[in-house]
Amino acid sequence: MPVHFKITRPNDADRRILADVPPPALPDYHRCGLAQALASALTYCGQTVDYSFVMGLSTLAFAVKQPDSFAEEPALAAPLEHIRAALQALGYESQIAADEPSLSVERIMQTVKTAVEAGQPTVAYGWGPDPPVWALITGYNRAQDLLYGYPIVGEAQPLLEVPPPTKLLISLGPAGESQAQAEAVQQALSRGAELWDDPPPDTGPLAYHNLLDLLADGSAFATDFPEGAVAAHEALIAGLIDARAAAMDFLPANAELFPDIPAAWLQQAADLYAPLVDLLETRTPPIFDSLTSQALADPQWRQEWSERLRQVAELDIEAGGCLGRAFSAEFAPGGEQEYEG
């Protein structure tokens, strides 16, 4: 596609900003800045994708991550390999830099310059505001080592001019031929099932185990300054609601790509996510309510909340099992006894 640049000052060859990139917003009903940033970048590059499709293809819709402390909110629930695989399915040989040695200022500036000259925004975490958020990078200034872009924090933000560093940088890379949608979705669902069958550290069932242990201990909410732990807890729950709601959109929309048996298992997973979301959304006090700090400091409330979270975990684990059985079972949900007979 033709690349159009915006020159913010005359005769400045070191400054390039992609023209007509819509500032991405993160509505109240969307929580994942990464999925929104990727959807915005891909849409700008001509892909027909939406938030729920990116959430599903990247397995973010099926993921949950909680370390054994509330010290730091996890930036990414799904493995980076799953993000790379999703972009590859769409035809992009992406580059993802996520460790300090590979994120020098020179490397960051060169990666963004290459992307912008190819007409592509890049996606970054930890650039711009503090605490870290996801952002869409749309330009650069090589002379001053500055990046231009939009942090993704609720309503659309004005264009920022901020230097590196970033904690993580995703470049779409050269565009090629995309996979057939059915093949791409099936592979994504298999990766999503692995998050529950063979989970990475602090994810899947292990995330719920860590969360329940933290709630049983309660010390993170009994300090003089519990705000960080409360915010991390609420962000986890809000992100879980958003992810499973995206799964409820993604699964039925793509189940029609497959024969009856896998389609039925995918619908079964979506049907399990519905009461899961309801259990979380009907909590008293609601997510991010002003009374949440007081509630989390109360051992009795935490015990009742933990019982509800155990129900949530059971539904999540069962839904993850449905993803795994979708392309291996020889019978639809409810037909196991008939098959065994």
C-alpha atoms as a PDB file:
ATOM      1  CA  MET A   1       0.000   0.000   0.000  1.00  0.00           C
ATOM      2  CA  PRO A   2       1.239   3.558  -0.584  1.00  0.00           C
ATOM      3  CA  VAL A   3       2.982   4.987   2.469  1.00  0.00           C
ATOM      4  CA  HIS A   4       2.006   8.503   3.452  1.00  0.00           C
ATOM      5  CA  PHE A   5       4.112  10.439   5.957  1.00  0.00           C
ATOM      6  CA  LYS A   6       3.269  13.457   8.005  1.00  0.00           C
ATOM      7  CA  ILE A   7       6.184  15.905   8.300  1.00  0.00           C
ATOM      8  CA  THR A   8       5.672  17.959  11.447  1.00  0.00           C
ATOM      9  CA  ARG A   9       8.360  20.494  10.570  1.00  0.00           C
ATOM     10  CA  PRO A  10       9.519  21.575   7.102  1.00  0.00           C
ATOM     11  CA  ASN A  11      12.673  20.077   5.591  1.00  0.00           C
ATOM     12  CA  ASP A  12      13.155  17.567   8.411  1.00  0.00           C
ATOM     13  CA  ALA A  13      14.357  14.297   6.926  1.00  0.00           C
ATOM     14  CA  ASP A  14      14.884  12.696  10.334  1.00  0.00           C
ATOM     15  CA  ARG A  15      11.230  12.869  11.387  1.00  0.00           C
ATOM     16  CA  ARG A  16       8.554  10.580   9.968  1.00  0.00           C
ATOM     17  CA  ILE A  17       5.023   9.967  11.240  1.00  0.00           C
ATOM     18  CA  LEU A  18       2.555   7.708   9.448  1.00  0.00           C
ATOM     19  CA  ALA A  19      -0.390   9.758   8.261  1.00  0.00           C
ATOM     20  CA  ASP A  20      -4.016   9.078   9.105  1.00  0.00           C
ATOM     21  CA  VAL A  21      -3.473   6.512  11.854  1.00  0.00           C
ATOM     22  CA  PRO A  22      -6.631   6.701  14.011  1.00  0.00           C
ATOM     23  CA  PRO A  23      -5.765   7.130  17.708  1.00  0.00           C
ATOM     24  CA  PRO A  24      -6.765   3.799  19.268  1.00  0.00           C
ATOM     25  CA  ALA A  25      -9.220   3.808  22.150  1.00  0.00           C
ATOM     26  CA  LEU A  26      -9.880   1.142  24.747  1.00  0.00           C
ATOM     27  CA  PRO A  27     -13.601   1.173  25.567  1.00  0.00           C
ATOM     28  CA  ASP A  28     -14.790   0.196  29.035  1.00  0.00           C
ATOM     29  CA  TYR A  29     -15.819  -3.219  27.749  1.00  0.00           C
ATOM     30  CA  HIS A  30     -12.302  -3.930  26.363  1.00  0.00           C
ATOM     31  CA  ARG A  31      -9.371  -4.367  28.745  1.00  0.00           C
ATOM     32  CA  CYS A  32      -6.493  -5.758  26.675  1.00  0.00           C
ATOM     33  CA  GLY A  33      -4.318  -2.967  25.335  1.00  0.00           C
ATOM     34  CA  LEU A  34      -2.208  -5.449  23.373  1.00  0.00           C
ATOM     35  CA  ALA A  35      -5.182  -6.818  21.425  1.00  0.00           C
ATOM     36  CA  GLN A  36      -6.425  -3.293  20.736  1.00  0.00           C
ATOM     37  CA  ALA A  37      -2.981  -2.165  19.566  1.00  0.00           C
ATOM     38  CA  LEU A  38      -2.567  -5.194  17.303  1.00  0.00           C
ATOM     39  CA  ALA A  39      -6.074  -4.776  15.883  1.00  0.00           C
ATOM     40  CA  SER A  40      -5.354  -1.104  15.172  1.00  0.00           C
ATOM     41  CA  ALA A  41      -1.997  -1.848  13.517  1.00  0.00           C
ATOM     42  CA  LEU A  42      -3.412  -4.695  11.431  1.00  0.00           C
ATOM     43  CA  THR A  43      -6.450  -2.672  10.354  1.00  0.00           C
ATOM     44  CA  TYR A  44      -4.195   0.188   9.272  1.00  0.00           C
ATOM     45  CA  CYS A  45      -2.252  -2.330   7.165  1.00  0.00           C
ATOM     46  CA  GLY A  46      -5.417  -3.457   5.416  1.00  0.00           C
ATOM     47  CA  GLN A  47      -6.418  -6.527   7.447  1.00  0.00           C
ATOM     48  CA  THR A  48     -10.085  -7.123   8.256  1.00  0.00           C
ATOM     49  CA  VAL A  49      -9.843  -8.013  11.937  1.00  0.00           C
ATOM     50  CA  ASP A  50     -11.517  -6.891  15.122  1.00  0.00           C
ATOM     51  CA  TYR A  51     -10.689  -7.007  18.822  1.00  0.00           C
ATOM     52  CA  SER A  52     -12.358 -10.372  19.523  1.00  0.00           C
ATOM     53  CA  PHE A  53     -10.691 -12.044  16.536  1.00  0.00           C
ATOM     54  CA  VAL A  54      -7.243 -10.870  17.650  1.00  0.00           C
ATOM     55  CA  MET A  55      -8.010 -12.009  21.204  1.00  0.00           C
ATOM     56  CA  GLY A  56      -8.961 -15.471  19.961  1.00  0.00           C
ATOM     57  CA  LEU A  57      -6.224 -15.950  17.364  1.00  0.00           C
ATOM     58  CA  SER A  58      -3.542 -14.900  19.885  1.00  0.00           C
ATOM     59  CA  THR A  59      -5.093 -17.125  22.657  1.00  0.00           C
ATOM     60  CA  LEU A  60      -5.440 -14.044  24.897  1.00  0.00           C
ATOM     61  CA  ALA A  61      -9.179 -14.849  25.015  1.00  0.00           C
ATOM     62  CA  PHE A  62      -8.415 -18.168  26.758  1.00  0.00           C
ATOM     63  CA  ALA A  63      -5.491 -17.121  28.953  1.00  0.00           C
ATOM     64  CA  VAL A  64      -5.142 -16.047  32.580  1.00  0.00           C
ATOM     65  CA  LYS A  65      -1.938 -15.273  34.453  1.00  0.00           C
ATOM     66  CA  GLN A  66      -1.331 -14.540  38.129  1.00  0.00           C
ATOM     67  CA  PRO A  67       2.120 -14.759  39.726  1.00  0.00           C
ATOM     68  CA  ASP A  68       2.490 -15.670  43.406  1.00  0.00           C
ATOM     69  CA  SER A  69       2.354 -12.000  44.432  1.00  0.00           C
ATOM     70  CA  PHE A  70       0.523  -8.816  43.551  1.00  0.00           C
ATOM     71  CA  ALA A  71       3.809  -6.932  43.287  1.00  0.00           C
ATOM     72  CA  GLU A  72       3.491  -6.351  39.564  1.00  0.00           C
ATOM     73  CA  GLU A  73       0.568  -6.689  37.193  1.00  0.00           C
ATOM     74  CA  PRO A  74       1.524  -9.165  34.446  1.00  0.00           C
ATOM     75  CA  ALA A  75       1.800  -7.468  31.054  1.00  0.00           C
ATOM     76  CA  LEU A  76       0.961 -10.516  28.995  1.00  0.00           C
ATOM     77  CA  ALA A  77      -1.221 -13.499  29.890  1.00  0.00           C
ATOM     78  CA  ALA A  78      -0.482 -15.538  26.740  1.00  0.00           C
ATOM     79  CA  PRO A  79       3.022 -16.660  25.688  1.00  0.00           C
ATOM     80  CA  LEU A  80       4.838 -14.466  23.189  1.00  0.00           C
ATOM     81  CA  GLU A  81       5.054 -17.486  20.890  1.00  0.00           C
ATOM     82  CA  HIS A  82       1.253 -17.402  20.604  1.00  0.00           C
ATOM     83  CA  ILE A  83       1.311 -13.726  19.589  1.00  0.00           C
ATOM     84  CA  ARG A  84       3.949 -14.473  16.971  1.00  0.00           C
ATOM     85  CA  ALA A  85       1.953 -17.467  15.682  1.00  0.00           C
ATOM     86  CA  ALA A  86      -1.192 -15.330  15.343  1.00  0.00           C
ATOM     87  CA  LEU A  87       0.656 -12.724  13.294  1.00  0.00           C
ATOM     88  CA  GLN A  88       2.248 -15.434  11.174  1.00  0.00           C
ATOM     89  CA  ALA A  89      -1.203 -16.868  10.451  1.00  0.00           C
ATOM     90  CA  LEU A  90      -2.159 -13.439   9.100  1.00  0.00           C
ATOM     91  CA  GLY A  91       0.926 -13.408   6.874  1.00  0.00           C
ATOM     92  CA  TYR A  92       3.425 -11.406   8.934  1.00  0.00           C
ATOM     93  CA  GLU A  93       6.912 -12.587   9.893  1.00  0.00           C
ATOM     94  CA  SER A  94       6.864 -10.553  13.073  1.00  0.00           C
ATOM     95  CA  GLN A  95       9.792  -9.530  15.234  1.00  0.00           C
ATOM     96  CA  ILE A  96       9.266  -9.433  18.992  1.00  0.00           C
ATOM     97  CA  ALA A  97      11.955  -8.025  21.276  1.00  0.00           C
ATOM     98  CA  ALA A  98      11.256  -8.526  24.960  1.00  0.00           C
ATOM     99  CA  ASP A  99      14.543  -8.651  26.824  1.00  0.00           C
ATOM    100  CA  GLU A 100      16.854  -5.833  27.868  1.00  0.00           C
ATOM    101  CA  PRO A 101      19.890  -6.661  25.653  1.00  0.00           C
ATOM    102  CA  SER A 102      17.780  -6.629  22.487  1.00  0.00           C
ATOM    103  CA  LEU A 103      15.980  -3.412  23.421  1.00  0.00           C
ATOM    104  CA  SER A 104      18.784  -0.880  23.147  1.00  0.00           C
ATOM    105  CA  VAL A 105      17.758   2.588  22.008  1.00  0.00           C
ATOM    106  CA  GLU A 106      19.521   1.964  18.695  1.00  0.00           C
ATOM    107  CA  ARG A 107      17.650  -1.315  18.138  1.00  0.00           C
ATOM    108  CA  ILE A 108      14.302   0.251  19.016  1.00  0.00           C
ATOM    109  CA  MET A 109      14.809   3.251  16.763  1.00  0.00           C
ATOM    110  CA  GLN A 110      15.939   1.104  13.831  1.00  0.00           C
ATOM    111  CA  THR A 111      13.017  -1.309  14.244  1.00  0.00           C
ATOM    112  CA  VAL A 112      10.480   1.527  14.299  1.00  0.00           C
ATOM    113  CA  LYS A 113      12.167   3.285  11.358  1.00  0.00           C
ATOM    114  CA  THR A 114      12.046   0.099   9.263  1.00  0.00           C
ATOM    115  CA  ALA A 115       8.387  -0.463  10.139  1.00  0.00           C
ATOM    116  CA  VAL A 116       7.317   3.115   9.445  1.00  0.00           C
ATOM    117  CA  GLU A 117       9.103   3.149   6.093  1.00  0.00           C
ATOM    118  CA  ALA A 118       7.151  -0.025   5.254  1.00  0.00           C
ATOM    119  CA  GLY A 119       3.904   1.716   6.207  1.00  0.00           C
ATOM    120  CA  GLN A 120       3.399  -0.220   9.452  1.00  0.00           C
ATOM    121  CA  PRO A 121       2.831   0.965  13.019  1.00  0.00           C
ATOM    122  CA  THR A 122       4.576  -1.009  15.769  1.00  0.00           C
ATOM    123  CA  VAL A 123       3.242  -2.108  19.147  1.00  0.00           C
ATOM    124  CA  ALA A 124       5.094  -1.363  22.377  1.00  0.00           C
ATOM    125  CA  TYR A 125       4.683  -2.016  26.080  1.00  0.00           C
ATOM    126  CA  GLY A 126       6.252   0.252  28.664  1.00  0.00           C
ATOM    127  CA  TRP A 127       6.685   3.288  26.388  1.00  0.00           C
ATOM    128  CA  GLY A 128       5.143   6.558  27.475  1.00  0.00           C
ATOM    129  CA  PRO A 129       3.017   6.686  30.634  1.00  0.00           C
ATOM    130  CA  ASP A 130       3.942   5.246  34.007  1.00  0.00           C
ATOM    131  CA  PRO A 131       2.685   2.737  35.104  1.00  0.00           C
ATOM    132  CA  PRO A 132       3.386   0.879  31.849  1.00  0.00           C
ATOM    133  CA  VAL A 133       0.662   0.494  29.229  1.00  0.00           C
ATOM    134  CA  TRP A 134       0.474  -0.782  25.654  1.00  0.00           C
ATOM    135  CA  ALA A 135       0.941   1.762  22.888  1.00  0.00           C
ATOM    136  CA  LEU A 136       0.751   2.093  19.121  1.00  0.00           C
ATOM    137  CA  ILE A 137       3.967   3.619  17.729  1.00  0.00           C
ATOM    138  CA  THR A 138       3.429   5.527  14.489  1.00  0.00           C
ATOM    139  CA  GLY A 139       6.609   7.527  13.916  1.00  0.00           C
ATOM    140  CA  TYR A 140      10.151   8.436  14.906  1.00  0.00           C
ATOM    141  CA  ASN A 141      12.701  11.244  15.117  1.00  0.00           C
ATOM    142  CA  ARG A 142      16.160   9.809  14.499  1.00  0.00           C
ATOM    143  CA  ALA A 143      17.980  13.045  15.258  1.00  0.00           C
ATOM    144  CA  GLN A 144      16.615  13.215  18.804  1.00  0.00           C
ATOM    145  CA  ASP A 145      15.865   9.498  19.408  1.00  0.00           C
ATOM    146  CA  LEU A 146      12.167  10.141  19.922  1.00  0.00           C
ATOM    147  CA  LEU A 147       9.144   7.972  19.161  1.00  0.00           C
ATOM    148  CA  TYR A 148       5.657   9.181  18.261  1.00  0.00           C
ATOM    149  CA  GLY A 149       2.597   7.200  19.208  1.00  0.00           C
ATOM    150  CA  TYR A 150      -0.579   6.724  21.163  1.00  0.00           C
ATOM    151  CA  PRO A 151      -0.790   5.122  24.614  1.00  0.00           C
ATOM    152  CA  ILE A 152      -3.852   2.903  24.928  1.00  0.00           C
ATOM    153  CA  VAL A 153      -5.589   4.005  28.111  1.00  0.00           C
ATOM    154  CA  GLY A 154      -9.358   4.337  27.791  1.00  0.00           C
ATOM    155  CA  GLU A 155     -10.384   7.205  25.534  1.00  0.00           C
ATOM    156  CA  ALA A 156      -8.272   8.033  22.485  1.00  0.00           C
ATOM    157  CA  GLN A 157      -5.161   9.978  23.502  1.00  0.00           C
ATOM    158  CA  PRO A 158      -3.276  12.753  21.699  1.00  0.00           C
ATOM    159  CA  LEU A 159      -0.077  11.883  19.849  1.00  0.00           C
ATOM    160  CA  LEU A 160       2.863  11.679  22.266  1.00  0.00           C
ATOM    161  CA  GLU A 161       6.522  12.432  21.566  1.00  0.00           C
ATOM    162  CA  VAL A 162       8.542  10.341  24.040  1.00  0.00           C
ATOM    163  CA  PRO A 163      12.003   8.719  23.874  1.00  0.00           C
ATOM    164  CA  PRO A 164      12.613   5.001  24.330  1.00  0.00           C
ATOM    165  CA  PRO A 165      13.013   2.662  26.159  1.00  0.00           C
ATOM    166  CA  THR A 166      10.212   0.149  25.949  1.00  0.00           C
ATOM    167  CA  LYS A 167       9.844  -3.137  27.803  1.00  0.00           C
ATOM    168  CA  LEU A 168       8.546  -4.997  24.744  1.00  0.00           C
ATOM    169  CA  LEU A 169       8.350  -4.161  21.055  1.00  0.00           C
ATOM    170  CA  ILE A 170       6.342  -5.967  18.371  1.00  0.00           C
ATOM    171  CA  SER A 171       6.980  -5.253  14.697  1.00  0.00           C
ATOM    172  CA  LEU A 172       4.625  -6.858  12.174  1.00  0.00           C
ATOM    173  CA  GLY A 173       7.429  -7.480   9.696  1.00  0.00           C
ATOM    174  CA  PRO A 174       7.200  -8.325   6.004  1.00  0.00           C
ATOM    175  CA  ALA A 175       3.714  -9.197   4.773  1.00  0.00           C
ATOM    176  CA  GLY A 176       3.171 -12.470   2.952  1.00  0.00           C
ATOM    177  CA  GLU A 177       0.401 -14.928   2.290  1.00  0.00           C
ATOM    178  CA  SER A 178      -1.986 -15.604   5.170  1.00  0.00           C
ATOM    179  CA  GLN A 179      -3.265 -19.010   6.248  1.00  0.00           C
ATOM    180  CA  ALA A 180      -6.753 -20.165   5.460  1.00  0.00           C
ATOM    181  CA  GLN A 181      -8.977 -18.964   8.293  1.00  0.00           C
ATOM    182  CA  ALA A 182     -10.137 -22.434   9.354  1.00  0.00           C
ATOM    183  CA  GLU A 183      -6.558 -23.671   9.610  1.00  0.00           C
ATOM    184  CA  ALA A 184      -5.421 -20.569  11.502  1.00  0.00           C
ATOM    185  CA  VAL A 185      -8.321 -20.777  13.962  1.00  0.00           C
ATOM    186  CA  GLN A 186      -7.864 -24.509  14.565  1.00  0.00           C
ATOM    187  CA  GLN A 187      -4.188 -24.012  15.375  1.00  0.00           C
ATOM    188  CA  ALA A 188      -4.999 -21.098  17.668  1.00  0.00           C
ATOM    189  CA  LEU A 189      -7.585 -23.191  19.523  1.00  0.00           C
ATOM    190  CA  SER A 190      -5.048 -25.983  19.974  1.00  0.00           C
ATOM    191  CA  ARG A 191      -2.634 -23.465  21.490  1.00  0.00           C
ATOM    192  CA  GLY A 192      -5.442 -22.171  23.694  1.00  0.00           C
ATOM    193  CA  ALA A 193      -6.126 -25.702  24.944  1.00  0.00           C
ATOM    194  CA  GLU A 194      -2.436 -26.108  25.823  1.00  0.00           C
ATOM    195  CA  LEU A 195      -2.774 -23.212  28.266  1.00  0.00           C
ATOM    196  CA  TRP A 196      -4.950 -25.554  30.365  1.00  0.00           C
ATOM    197  CA  ASP A 197      -3.567 -28.975  29.512  1.00  0.00           C
ATOM    198  CA  ASP A 198       0.137 -28.066  29.849  1.00  0.00           C
ATOM    199  CA  PRO A 199       0.157 -24.541  31.290  1.00  0.00           C
ATOM    200  CA  PRO A 200       3.227 -22.287  31.391  1.00  0.00           C
ATOM    201  CA  PRO A 201       4.196 -20.989  34.869  1.00  0.00           C
ATOM    202  CA  ASP A 202       1.547 -18.910  36.661  1.00  0.00           C
ATOM    203  CA  THR A 203      -1.097 -19.508  33.980  1.00  0.00           C
ATOM    204  CA  GLY A 204      -4.251 -21.604  33.621  1.00  0.00           C
ATOM    205  CA  PRO A 205      -5.073 -23.651  36.743  1.00  0.00           C
ATOM    206  CA  LEU A 206      -1.805 -22.467  38.325  1.00  0.00           C
ATOM    207  CA  ALA A 207      -2.991 -18.845  38.113  1.00  0.00           C
ATOM    208  CA  TYR A 208      -6.131 -19.675  40.094  1.00  0.00           C
ATOM    209  CA  HIS A 209      -4.042 -21.608  42.631  1.00  0.00           C
ATOM    210  CA  ASN A 210      -1.802 -18.561  43.143  1.00  0.00           C
ATOM    211  CA  LEU A 211      -4.769 -16.190  43.373  1.00  0.00           C
ATOM    212  CA  LEU A 212      -6.575 -18.320  45.958  1.00  0.00           C
ATOM    213  CA  ASP A 213      -3.386 -18.593  48.017  1.00  0.00           C
ATOM    214  CA  LEU A 214      -2.981 -14.802  47.970  1.00  0.00           C
ATOM    215  CA  LEU A 215      -6.583 -14.312  49.070  1.00  0.00           C
ATOM    216  CA  ALA A 216      -6.226 -16.898  51.859  1.00  0.00           C
ATOM    217  CA  ASP A 217      -3.079 -15.166  53.113  1.00  0.00           C
ATOM    218  CA  GLY A 218      -4.551 -11.671  52.820  1.00  0.00           C
ATOM    219  CA  SER A 219      -1.391  -9.873  53.930  1.00  0.00           C
ATOM    220  CA  ALA A 220      -1.172  -7.899  50.676  1.00  0.00           C
ATOM    221  CA  PHE A 221      -4.451  -6.173  51.606  1.00  0.00           C
ATOM    222  CA  ALA A 222      -3.589  -5.555  55.268  1.00  0.00           C
ATOM    223  CA  THR A 223      -0.693  -3.126  54.791  1.00  0.00           C
ATOM    224  CA  ASP A 224      -0.754   0.641  55.236  1.00  0.00           C
ATOM    225  CA  PHE A 225      -0.701   0.987  51.445  1.00  0.00           C
ATOM    226  CA  PRO A 226      -2.763  -1.830  49.905  1.00  0.00           C
ATOM    227  CA  GLU A 227      -3.676   0.159  46.785  1.00  0.00           C
ATOM    228  CA  GLY A 228      -1.195  -1.614  44.506  1.00  0.00           C
ATOM    229  CA  ALA A 229      -2.390  -5.082  45.469  1.00  0.00           C
ATOM    230  CA  VAL A 230      -6.046  -4.058  45.183  1.00  0.00           C
ATOM    231  CA  ALA A 231      -5.477  -2.516  41.744  1.00  0.00           C
ATOM    232  CA  ALA A 232      -3.618  -5.620  40.507  1.00  0.00           C
ATOM    233  CA  HIS A 233      -6.369  -7.893  41.814  1.00  0.00           C
ATOM    234  CA  GLU A 234      -9.108  -5.851  40.172  1.00  0.00           C
ATOM    235  CA  ALA A 235      -7.194  -5.604  36.893  1.00  0.00           C
ATOM    236  CA  LEU A 236      -6.862  -9.388  36.864  1.00  0.00           C
ATOM    237  CA  ILE A 237     -10.601  -9.910  37.369  1.00  0.00           C
ATOM    238  CA  ALA A 238     -11.594  -7.226  34.862  1.00  0.00           C
ATOM    239  CA  GLY A 239      -9.169  -8.686  32.323  1.00  0.00           C
ATOM    240  CA  LEU A 240     -10.595 -12.157  32.895  1.00  0.00           C
ATOM    241  CA  ILE A 241     -14.131 -10.903  32.248  1.00  0.00           C
ATOM    242  CA  ASP A 242     -12.985  -9.176  29.064  1.00  0.00           C
ATOM    243  CA  ALA A 243     -11.030 -12.199  27.802  1.00  0.00           C
ATOM    244  CA  ARG A 244     -13.847 -14.683  28.279  1.00  0.00           C
ATOM    245  CA  ALA A 245     -16.366 -12.261  26.778  1.00  0.00           C
ATOM    246  CA  ALA A 246     -14.097 -12.072  23.719  1.00  0.00           C
ATOM    247  CA  ALA A 247     -13.989 -15.891  23.656  1.00  0.00           C
ATOM    248  CA  MET A 248     -17.798 -15.940  23.724  1.00  0.00           C
ATOM    249  CA  ASP A 249     -17.734 -13.824  20.540  1.00  0.00           C
ATOM    250  CA  PHE A 250     -14.835 -15.615  18.850  1.00  0.00           C
ATOM    251  CA  LEU A 251     -15.917 -19.227  19.321  1.00  0.00           C
ATOM    252  CA  PRO A 252     -19.467 -19.156  17.862  1.00  0.00           C
ATOM    253  CA  ALA A 253     -18.352 -16.838  15.056  1.00  0.00           C
ATOM    254  CA  ASN A 254     -15.703 -19.342  13.950  1.00  0.00           C
ATOM    255  CA  ALA A 255     -17.406 -22.622  14.888  1.00  0.00           C
ATOM    256  CA  GLU A 256     -19.219 -22.503  11.533  1.00  0.00           C
ATOM    257  CA  LEU A 257     -15.864 -23.088   9.821  1.00  0.00           C
ATOM    258  CA  PHE A 258     -15.809 -26.673  11.122  1.00  0.00           C
ATOM    259  CA  PRO A 259     -17.867 -29.891  10.987  1.00  0.00           C
ATOM    260  CA  ASP A 260     -20.618 -30.564  13.511  1.00  0.00           C
ATOM    261  CA  ILE A 261     -18.581 -32.289  16.251  1.00  0.00           C
ATOM    262  CA  PRO A 262     -15.806 -29.697  16.669  1.00  0.00           C
ATOM    263  CA  ALA A 263     -18.368 -26.908  16.257  1.00  0.00           C
ATOM    264  CA  ALA A 264     -20.410 -28.389  19.115  1.00  0.00           C
ATOM    265  CA  TRP A 265     -17.378 -28.512  21.431  1.00  0.00           C
ATOM    266  CA  LEU A 266     -16.541 -24.900  20.631  1.00  0.00           C
ATOM    267  CA  GLN A 267     -20.116 -23.870  21.387  1.00  0.00           C
ATOM    268  CA  GLN A 268     -19.932 -25.835  24.636  1.00  0.00           C
ATOM    269  CA  ALA A 269     -16.847 -23.851  25.659  1.00  0.00           C
ATOM    270  CA  ALA A 270     -18.628 -20.587  24.873  1.00  0.00           C
ATOM    271  CA  ASP A 271     -21.637 -21.748  26.906  1.00  0.00           C
ATOM    272  CA  LEU A 272     -19.358 -22.407  29.896  1.00  0.00           C
ATOM    273  CA  TYR A 273     -17.806 -18.956  29.663  1.00  0.00           C
ATOM    274  CA  ALA A 274     -21.220 -17.290  30.008  1.00  0.00           C
ATOM    275  CA  PRO A 275     -21.851 -18.302  33.673  1.00  0.00           C
ATOM    276  CA  LEU A 276     -18.152 -17.691  34.408  1.00  0.00           C
ATOM    277  CA  VAL A 277     -18.488 -14.070  33.320  1.00  0.00           C
ATOM    278  CA  ASP A 278     -21.751 -13.763  35.241  1.00  0.00           C
ATOM    279  CA  LEU A 279     -20.109 -14.987  38.473  1.00  0.00           C
ATOM    280  CA  LEU A 280     -17.447 -12.310  38.163  1.00  0.00           C
ATOM    281  CA  GLU A 281     -19.677  -9.461  37.001  1.00  0.00           C
ATOM    282  CA  THR A 282     -22.248  -9.954  39.773  1.00  0.00           C
ATOM    283  CA  ARG A 283     -19.722  -9.649  42.594  1.00  0.00           C
ATOM    284  CA  THR A 284     -20.599  -7.300  45.449  1.00  0.00           C
ATOM    285  CA  PRO A 285     -18.947  -4.817  45.540  1.00  0.00           C
ATOM    286  CA  PRO A 286     -18.508  -4.544  41.748  1.00  0.00           C
ATOM    287  CA  ILE A 287     -15.100  -4.514  40.066  1.00  0.00           C
ATOM    288  CA  PHE A 288     -13.123  -1.331  40.842  1.00  0.00           C
ATOM    289  CA  ASP A 289     -15.769  -0.128  43.298  1.00  0.00           C
ATOM    290  CA  SER A 290     -14.627   2.263  46.030  1.00  0.00           C
ATOM    291  CA  LEU A 291     -15.537  -0.348  48.658  1.00  0.00           C
ATOM    292  CA  THR A 292     -13.264  -3.022  47.180  1.00  0.00           C
ATOM    293  CA  SER A 293     -10.261  -2.179  49.380  1.00  0.00           C
ATOM    294  CA  GLN A 294     -12.401  -2.576  52.494  1.00  0.00           C
ATOM    295  CA  ALA A 295     -13.854  -5.843  51.193  1.00  0.00           C
ATOM    296  CA  LEU A 296     -10.467  -7.369  50.359  1.00  0.00           C
ATOM    297  CA  ALA A 297      -9.210  -6.516  53.837  1.00  0.00           C
ATOM    298  CA  ASP A 298     -12.073  -8.544  55.360  1.00  0.00           C
ATOM    299  CA  PRO A 299     -11.183 -12.267  55.825  1.00  0.00           C
ATOM    300  CA  GLN A 300     -14.843 -13.327  55.703  1.00  0.00           C
ATOM    301  CA  TRP A 301     -15.448 -11.505  52.426  1.00  0.00           C
ATOM    302  CA  ARG A 302     -12.275 -12.956  50.916  1.00  0.00           C
ATOM    303  CA  GLN A 303     -13.407 -16.454  51.907  1.00  0.00           C
ATOM    304  CA  GLU A 304     -16.778 -15.979  50.209  1.00  0.00           C
ATOM    305  CA  TRP A 305     -15.102 -14.453  47.158  1.00  0.00           C
ATOM    306  CA  SER A 306     -12.664 -17.383  47.012  1.00  0.00           C
ATOM    307  CA  GLU A 307     -15.567 -19.838  46.926  1.00  0.00           C
ATOM    308  CA  ARG A 308     -16.963 -17.989  43.937  1.00  0.00           C
ATOM    309  CA  LEU A 309     -13.542 -17.988  42.265  1.00  0.00           C
ATOM    310  CA  ARG A 310     -13.321 -21.766  42.728  1.00  0.00           C
ATOM    311  CA  GLN A 311     -16.529 -22.057  40.711  1.00  0.00           C
ATOM    312  CA  VAL A 312     -15.017 -19.746  38.101  1.00  0.00           C
ATOM    313  CA  ALA A 313     -11.873 -21.882  37.954  1.00  0.00           C
ATOM    314  CA  GLU A 314     -13.906 -25.072  37.489  1.00  0.00           C
ATOM    315  CA  LEU A 315     -15.789 -23.525  34.572  1.00  0.00           C
ATOM    316  CA  ASP A 316     -12.571 -22.201  33.028  1.00  0.00           C
ATOM    317  CA  ILE A 317     -10.828 -25.569  33.314  1.00  0.00           C
ATOM    318  CA  GLU A 318     -13.828 -27.364  31.824  1.00  0.00           C
ATOM    319  CA  ALA A 319     -13.995 -24.870  28.944  1.00  0.00           C
ATOM    320  CA  GLY A 320     -10.281 -25.334  28.302  1.00  0.00           C
ATOM    321  CA  GLY A 321     -10.926 -29.070  28.095  1.00  0.00           C
ATOM    322  CA  CYS A 322     -13.608 -28.440  25.474  1.00  0.00           C
ATOM    323  CA  LEU A 323     -11.074 -26.576  23.348  1.00  0.00           C
ATOM    324  CA  GLY A 324      -8.781 -29.580  23.575  1.00  0.00           C
ATOM    325  CA  ARG A 325     -11.488 -32.079  22.662  1.00  0.00           C
ATOM    326  CA  ALA A 326     -12.901 -30.087  19.762  1.00  0.00           C
ATOM    327  CA  PHE A 327     -10.553 -31.629  17.219  1.00  0.00           C
ATOM    328  CA  SER A 328      -9.855 -34.965  18.903  1.00  0.00           C
ATOM    329  CA  ALA A 329     -13.204 -36.256  20.201  1.00  0.00           C
ATOM    330  CA  GLU A 330     -15.248 -38.595  18.030  1.00  0.00           C
ATOM    331  CA  PHE A 331     -18.508 -37.493  19.622  1.00  0.00           C
ATOM    332  CA  ALA A 332     -20.209 -34.237  20.494  1.00  0.00           C
ATOM    333  CA  PRO A 333     -20.702 -33.033  24.092  1.00  0.00           C
ATOM    334  CA  GLY A 334     -23.236 -35.261  25.802  1.00  0.00           C
ATOM    335  CA  GLY A 335     -22.608 -38.121  23.403  1.00  0.00           C
ATOM    336  CA  GLU A 336     -19.805 -39.809  25.332  1.00  0.00           C
ATOM    337  CA  GLN A 337     -21.977 -42.489  26.963  1.00  0.00           C
ATOM    338  CA  GLU A 338     -23.582 -43.325  23.632  1.00  0.00           C
ATOM    339  CA  TYR A 339     -20.115 -43.588  22.040  1.00  0.00           C
ATOM    340  CA  GLU A 340     -18.761 -45.777  24.849  1.00  0.00           C
ATOM    341  CA  GLY A 341     -21.799 -48.049  24.583  1.00  0.00           C
END
